[in-house]
C-alpha atoms as a PDB file:
ATOM      1  CA  MET A   1    -247.867 134.192 -77.203  1.00  0.00           C
ATOM      2  CA  ASN A   2    -246.971 130.591 -77.977  1.00  0.00           C
ATOM      3  CA  ILE A   3    -245.040 129.339 -80.957  1.00  0.00           C
ATOM      4  CA  GLY A   4    -245.878 125.927 -82.345  1.00  0.00           C
ATOM      5  CA  VAL A   5    -243.057 123.839 -83.739  1.00  0.00           C
ATOM      6  CA  ILE A   6    -243.416 120.661 -85.776  1.00  0.00           C
ATOM      7  CA  ILE A   7    -240.248 118.594 -86.041  1.00  0.00           C
ATOM      8  CA  ILE A   8    -240.352 115.627 -88.404  1.00  0.00           C
ATOM      9  CA  PHE A   9    -238.087 112.713 -87.503  1.00  0.00           C
ATOM     10  CA  HIS A  10    -237.149 109.554 -89.390  1.00  0.00           C
ATOM     11  CA  ASN A  11    -234.377 107.378 -87.951  1.00  0.00           C
ATOM     12  CA  ASN A  12    -232.648 110.215 -86.085  1.00  0.00           C
ATOM     13  CA  ALA A  13    -231.870 108.491 -82.768  1.00  0.00           C
ATOM     14  CA  ILE A  14    -228.120 109.155 -82.978  1.00  0.00           C
ATOM     15  CA  ASP A  15    -228.735 112.863 -83.649  1.00  0.00           C
ATOM     16  CA  ILE A  16    -231.028 113.482 -80.658  1.00  0.00           C
ATOM     17  CA  ASN A  17    -229.540 114.353 -77.290  1.00  0.00           C
ATOM     18  CA  SER A  18    -232.551 113.891 -74.997  1.00  0.00           C
ATOM     19  CA  LYS A  19    -230.904 115.784 -72.136  1.00  0.00           C
ATOM     20  CA  ILE A  20    -230.328 118.900 -74.285  1.00  0.00           C
ATOM     21  CA  PHE A  21    -233.880 118.746 -75.675  1.00  0.00           C
ATOM     22  CA  ILE A  22    -235.374 118.429 -72.174  1.00  0.00           C
ATOM     23  CA  GLU A  23    -233.246 121.216 -70.648  1.00  0.00           C
ATOM     24  CA  ASN A  24    -234.148 123.638 -73.420  1.00  0.00           C
ATOM     25  CA  ILE A  25    -237.842 122.809 -73.576  1.00  0.00           C
ATOM     26  CA  LYS A  26    -238.225 123.023 -69.799  1.00  0.00           C
ATOM     27  CA  SER A  27    -236.490 126.425 -69.764  1.00  0.00           C
ATOM     28  CA  THR A  28    -239.195 128.170 -71.790  1.00  0.00           C
ATOM     29  CA  ASN A  29    -242.924 128.781 -71.520  1.00  0.00           C
ATOM     30  CA  HIS A  30    -243.621 130.019 -75.041  1.00  0.00           C
ATOM     31  CA  ILE A  31    -243.225 126.870 -77.104  1.00  0.00           C
ATOM     32  CA  LYS A  32    -245.411 123.881 -77.953  1.00  0.00           C
ATOM     33  CA  MET A  33    -243.666 121.125 -79.874  1.00  0.00           C
ATOM     34  CA  CYS A  34    -245.097 118.350 -81.962  1.00  0.00           C
ATOM     35  CA  PHE A  35    -242.642 115.598 -82.796  1.00  0.00           C
ATOM     36  CA  VAL A  36    -243.752 113.635 -85.853  1.00  0.00           C
ATOM     37  CA  ASP A  37    -242.132 110.214 -85.983  1.00  0.00           C
ATOM     38  CA  ASN A  38    -242.289 109.155 -89.616  1.00  0.00           C
ATOM     39  CA  GLU A  39    -241.943 105.365 -89.209  1.00  0.00           C
ATOM     40  CA  SER A  40    -238.511 105.287 -87.609  1.00  0.00           C
ATOM     41  CA  LYS A  41    -236.885 101.862 -87.415  1.00  0.00           C
ATOM     42  CA  ASP A  42    -234.272 102.854 -84.810  1.00  0.00           C
ATOM     43  CA  GLU A  43    -234.666 104.216 -81.268  1.00  0.00           C
ATOM     44  CA  THR A  44    -235.987 107.624 -82.385  1.00  0.00           C
ATOM     45  CA  LEU A  45    -239.508 107.101 -81.073  1.00  0.00           C
ATOM     46  CA  GLU A  46    -238.212 105.929 -77.693  1.00  0.00           C
ATOM     47  CA  LYS A  47    -236.088 109.082 -77.341  1.00  0.00           C
ATOM     48  CA  LEU A  48    -239.044 111.277 -78.309  1.00  0.00           C
ATOM     49  CA  ILE A  49    -241.246 109.514 -75.745  1.00  0.00           C
ATOM     50  CA  GLU A  50    -238.578 110.083 -73.081  1.00  0.00           C
ATOM     51  CA  ILE A  51    -238.608 113.814 -73.893  1.00  0.00           C
ATOM     52  CA  LYS A  52    -242.410 113.944 -73.873  1.00  0.00           C
ATOM     53  CA  GLU A  53    -242.646 112.179 -70.506  1.00  0.00           C
ATOM     54  CA  THR A  54    -240.475 114.896 -68.942  1.00  0.00           C
ATOM     55  CA  CYS A  55    -242.060 117.845 -70.802  1.00  0.00           C
ATOM     56  CA  THR A  56    -245.680 116.661 -70.807  1.00  0.00           C
ATOM     57  CA  THR A  57    -247.409 120.029 -71.313  1.00  0.00           C
ATOM     58  CA  LYS A  58    -245.028 121.283 -74.003  1.00  0.00           C
ATOM     59  CA  VAL A  59    -244.430 118.226 -76.186  1.00  0.00           C
ATOM     60  CA  SER A  60    -246.768 116.014 -78.199  1.00  0.00           C
ATOM     61  CA  ILE A  61    -245.968 113.093 -80.467  1.00  0.00           C
ATOM     62  CA  VAL A  62    -247.670 112.072 -83.682  1.00  0.00           C
ATOM     63  CA  GLU A  63    -246.604 108.601 -84.740  1.00  0.00           C
ATOM     64  CA  ILE A  64    -246.947 107.716 -88.407  1.00  0.00           C
ATOM     65  CA  LYS A  65    -246.903 103.945 -88.868  1.00  0.00           C
ATOM     66  CA  LYS A  66    -246.104 103.948 -92.606  1.00  0.00           C
ATOM     67  CA  LYS A  67    -243.479 106.345 -93.973  1.00  0.00           C
ATOM     68  CA  VAL A  68    -244.946 109.292 -95.895  1.00  0.00           C
ATOM     69  CA  ASN A  69    -243.390 112.246 -97.675  1.00  0.00           C
ATOM     70  CA  ARG A  70    -242.400 115.363 -95.753  1.00  0.00           C
ATOM     71  CA  GLU A  71    -245.496 117.333 -96.799  1.00  0.00           C
ATOM     72  CA  LEU A  72    -247.881 114.683 -95.465  1.00  0.00           C
ATOM     73  CA  ALA A  73    -245.885 114.356 -92.242  1.00  0.00           C
ATOM     74  CA  LYS A  74    -246.031 118.145 -91.856  1.00  0.00           C
ATOM     75  CA  ARG A  75    -249.797 118.089 -92.387  1.00  0.00           C
ATOM     76  CA  ALA A  76    -250.250 115.378 -89.765  1.00  0.00           C
ATOM     77  CA  GLY A  77    -248.383 117.515 -87.243  1.00  0.00           C
ATOM     78  CA  ALA A  78    -250.271 120.650 -88.283  1.00  0.00           C
ATOM     79  CA  ARG A  79    -253.672 118.975 -87.898  1.00  0.00           C
ATOM     80  CA  PHE A  80    -252.731 117.924 -84.402  1.00  0.00           C
ATOM     81  CA  MET A  81    -251.369 121.348 -83.434  1.00  0.00           C
ATOM     82  CA  PHE A  82    -254.329 123.291 -84.857  1.00  0.00           C
ATOM     83  CA  ASN A  83    -256.813 120.987 -83.124  1.00  0.00           C
ATOM     84  CA  ASP A  84    -255.138 121.082 -79.718  1.00  0.00           C
ATOM     85  CA  PHE A  85    -253.676 124.594 -79.439  1.00  0.00           C
ATOM     86  CA  ASP A  86    -254.545 128.163 -80.315  1.00  0.00           C
ATOM     87  CA  LEU A  87    -251.369 129.194 -82.134  1.00  0.00           C
ATOM     88  CA  LYS A  88    -250.677 132.264 -84.253  1.00  0.00           C
ATOM     89  CA  HIS A  89    -247.223 131.064 -85.264  1.00  0.00           C
ATOM     90  CA  LEU A  90    -246.574 127.512 -86.436  1.00  0.00           C
ATOM     91  CA  GLY A  91    -243.291 126.476 -87.994  1.00  0.00           C
ATOM     92  CA  PHE A  92    -241.934 123.145 -89.153  1.00  0.00           C
ATOM     93  CA  ILE A  93    -238.577 121.585 -89.716  1.00  0.00           C
ATOM     94  CA  ASP A  94    -237.436 118.203 -90.984  1.00  0.00           C
ATOM     95  CA  ALA A  95    -234.599 116.702 -88.919  1.00  0.00           C
ATOM     96  CA  ASN A  96    -233.156 114.822 -91.890  1.00  0.00           C
ATOM     97  CA  THR A  97    -232.999 117.970 -94.003  1.00  0.00           C
ATOM     98  CA  LEU A  98    -231.185 119.692 -91.148  1.00  0.00           C
ATOM     99  CA  ILE A  99    -228.642 116.902 -90.941  1.00  0.00           C
ATOM    100  CA  GLU A 100    -228.160 116.795 -94.721  1.00  0.00           C
ATOM    101  CA  GLN A 101    -227.362 120.505 -94.628  1.00  0.00           C
ATOM    102  CA  LYS A 102    -224.965 119.998 -91.688  1.00  0.00           C
ATOM    103  CA  TYR A 103    -227.132 121.646 -89.032  1.00  0.00           C
ATOM    104  CA  ASN A 104    -227.045 120.353 -85.463  1.00  0.00           C
ATOM    105  CA  ILE A 105    -230.571 119.441 -84.300  1.00  0.00           C
ATOM    106  CA  ASN A 106    -229.664 119.980 -80.645  1.00  0.00           C
ATOM    107  CA  GLU A 107    -228.437 123.547 -81.339  1.00  0.00           C
ATOM    108  CA  ILE A 108    -231.578 124.193 -83.382  1.00  0.00           C
ATOM    109  CA  VAL A 109    -233.823 123.166 -80.465  1.00  0.00           C
ATOM    110  CA  ASN A 110    -231.781 125.399 -78.164  1.00  0.00           C
ATOM    111  CA  SER A 111    -232.347 128.350 -80.510  1.00  0.00           C
ATOM    112  CA  LEU A 112    -236.055 127.587 -80.945  1.00  0.00           C
ATOM    113  CA  CYS A 113    -236.455 127.867 -77.199  1.00  0.00           C
ATOM    114  CA  ALA A 114    -234.331 131.022 -76.884  1.00  0.00           C
ATOM    115  CA  GLU A 115    -235.308 133.136 -79.898  1.00  0.00           C
ATOM    116  CA  LYS A 116    -239.041 133.657 -79.500  1.00  0.00           C
ATOM    117  CA  ASP A 117    -239.196 137.287 -80.626  1.00  0.00           C
ATOM    118  CA  GLU A 118    -236.955 136.760 -83.651  1.00  0.00           C
ATOM    119  CA  ILE A 119    -238.963 133.739 -84.828  1.00  0.00           C
ATOM    120  CA  ILE A 120    -242.266 135.596 -84.449  1.00  0.00           C
ATOM    121  CA  ALA A 121    -240.866 138.590 -86.364  1.00  0.00           C
ATOM    122  CA  PHE A 122    -239.678 136.256 -89.139  1.00  0.00           C
ATOM    123  CA  ASP A 123    -243.147 134.667 -89.422  1.00  0.00           C
ATOM    124  CA  LYS A 124    -244.901 138.056 -89.393  1.00  0.00           C
ATOM    125  CA  ASN A 125    -242.579 139.289 -92.141  1.00  0.00           C
ATOM    126  CA  ILE A 126    -243.393 136.257 -94.310  1.00  0.00           C
ATOM    127  CA  LYS A 127    -247.129 136.700 -93.768  1.00  0.00           C
ATOM    128  CA  SER A 128    -246.987 140.422 -94.554  1.00  0.00           C
ATOM    129  CA  ARG A 129    -245.391 139.677 -97.949  1.00  0.00           C
ATOM    130  CA  GLN A 130    -247.962 137.056 -98.981  1.00  0.00           C
ATOM    131  CA  ARG A 131    -250.266 138.228-101.732  1.00  0.00           C
ATOM    132  CA  ILE A 132    -252.979 135.675-101.167  1.00  0.00           C
ATOM    133  CA  LYS A 133    -254.670 134.692 -97.956  1.00  0.00           C
ATOM    134  CA  SER A 134    -252.984 131.787 -96.227  1.00  0.00           C
ATOM    135  CA  THR A 135    -254.787 128.502 -95.972  1.00  0.00           C
ATOM    136  CA  LEU A 136    -254.350 126.260 -92.967  1.00  0.00           C
ATOM    137  CA  TYR A 137    -251.285 124.462 -94.319  1.00  0.00           C
ATOM    138  CA  LYS A 138    -249.761 127.408 -96.186  1.00  0.00           C
ATOM    139  CA  SER A 139    -249.659 129.428 -92.968  1.00  0.00           C
ATOM    140  CA  ILE A 140    -246.979 127.092 -91.591  1.00  0.00           C
ATOM    141  CA  PHE A 141    -243.560 128.631 -92.082  1.00  0.00           C
ATOM    142  CA  SER A 142    -240.229 126.906 -92.629  1.00  0.00           C
ATOM    143  CA  LEU A 143    -237.962 127.115 -89.622  1.00  0.00           C
ATOM    144  CA  LEU A 144    -235.084 126.031 -91.859  1.00  0.00           C
ATOM    145  CA  ASP A 145    -235.538 129.284 -93.792  1.00  0.00           C
ATOM    146  CA  TYR A 146    -235.390 131.170 -90.493  1.00  0.00           C
ATOM    147  CA  PHE A 147    -232.161 129.436 -89.458  1.00  0.00           C
ATOM    148  CA  LYS A 148    -230.588 129.960 -92.885  1.00  0.00           C
ATOM    149  CA  SER A 149    -231.341 133.678 -92.610  1.00  0.00           C
ATOM    150  CA  GLN A 150    -229.781 133.768 -89.122  1.00  0.00           C
ATOM    151  CA  ASP A 151    -226.814 131.662 -90.163  1.00  0.00           C
ATOM    152  CA  SER A 152    -225.703 133.850 -93.064  1.00  0.00           C
ATOM    153  CA  SER A 153    -223.164 135.671 -90.885  1.00  0.00           C
ATOM    154  CA  ASN A 154    -222.001 132.760 -88.734  1.00  0.00           C
ATOM    155  CA  ASN A 155    -222.147 128.997 -88.470  1.00  0.00           C
ATOM    156  CA  LYS A 156    -223.426 128.564 -84.944  1.00  0.00           C
ATOM    157  CA  PHE A 157    -226.024 125.979 -85.992  1.00  0.00           C
ATOM    158  CA  LYS A 158    -223.726 123.863 -88.150  1.00  0.00           C
ATOM    159  CA  GLN A 159    -222.444 120.464 -87.083  1.00  0.00           C
ATOM    160  CA  SER A 160    -219.021 120.401 -85.503  1.00  0.00           C
ATOM    161  CA  ILE A 161    -216.570 118.521 -87.649  1.00  0.00           C
ATOM    162  CA  LEU A 162    -214.076 116.598 -85.528  1.00  0.00           C
END
C-alpha cells in the first residue's frame, strides 16, 4: 500500500540535502512524493529536479509560478497526486513550517521512508475519529501532526544546534 506525500517548498535550497533525499527515497517502495515548488527564487527547484531525475517513479514536481498560500499549494499537489496515483493515504507537510519549528527536513524525509506502518496507523486513527465524511482535500492529513506526536518523547527530528 503506497503512501502519498506532498512537501511544499519555498526557498529551501540550503535546507535540502539531495543525497539524503535520494538515498531514502530509493530505499523504499511504498512512497510517492510530490514536491510543490511555491515560486522559489533560490536553487530549490534545481535541487528538487535533481532528486526527481534520480527517483523518477517515486517523485513528481508541481511548479507554481506565482507564490500562493499553503492551502492552495497543498491543493495543487493533491490534485496531481489524486489524478496520477491510487492512494489511500495522502499526507502533506510544509518545509518552511518544519524549519520554523526547528525540525530537520532531511530527518523528516528519512522517517517518512522508514515509518510506513506508523504513518498509516496515524492516518487511519484520524479518519476513524472524523464525524463527517472526508472530502477530497479534507482527507489529506498533516504529517507535521504525526511528527509532533512521535516527537513528544524525544527530539530526533529537531535541528541540531551547533
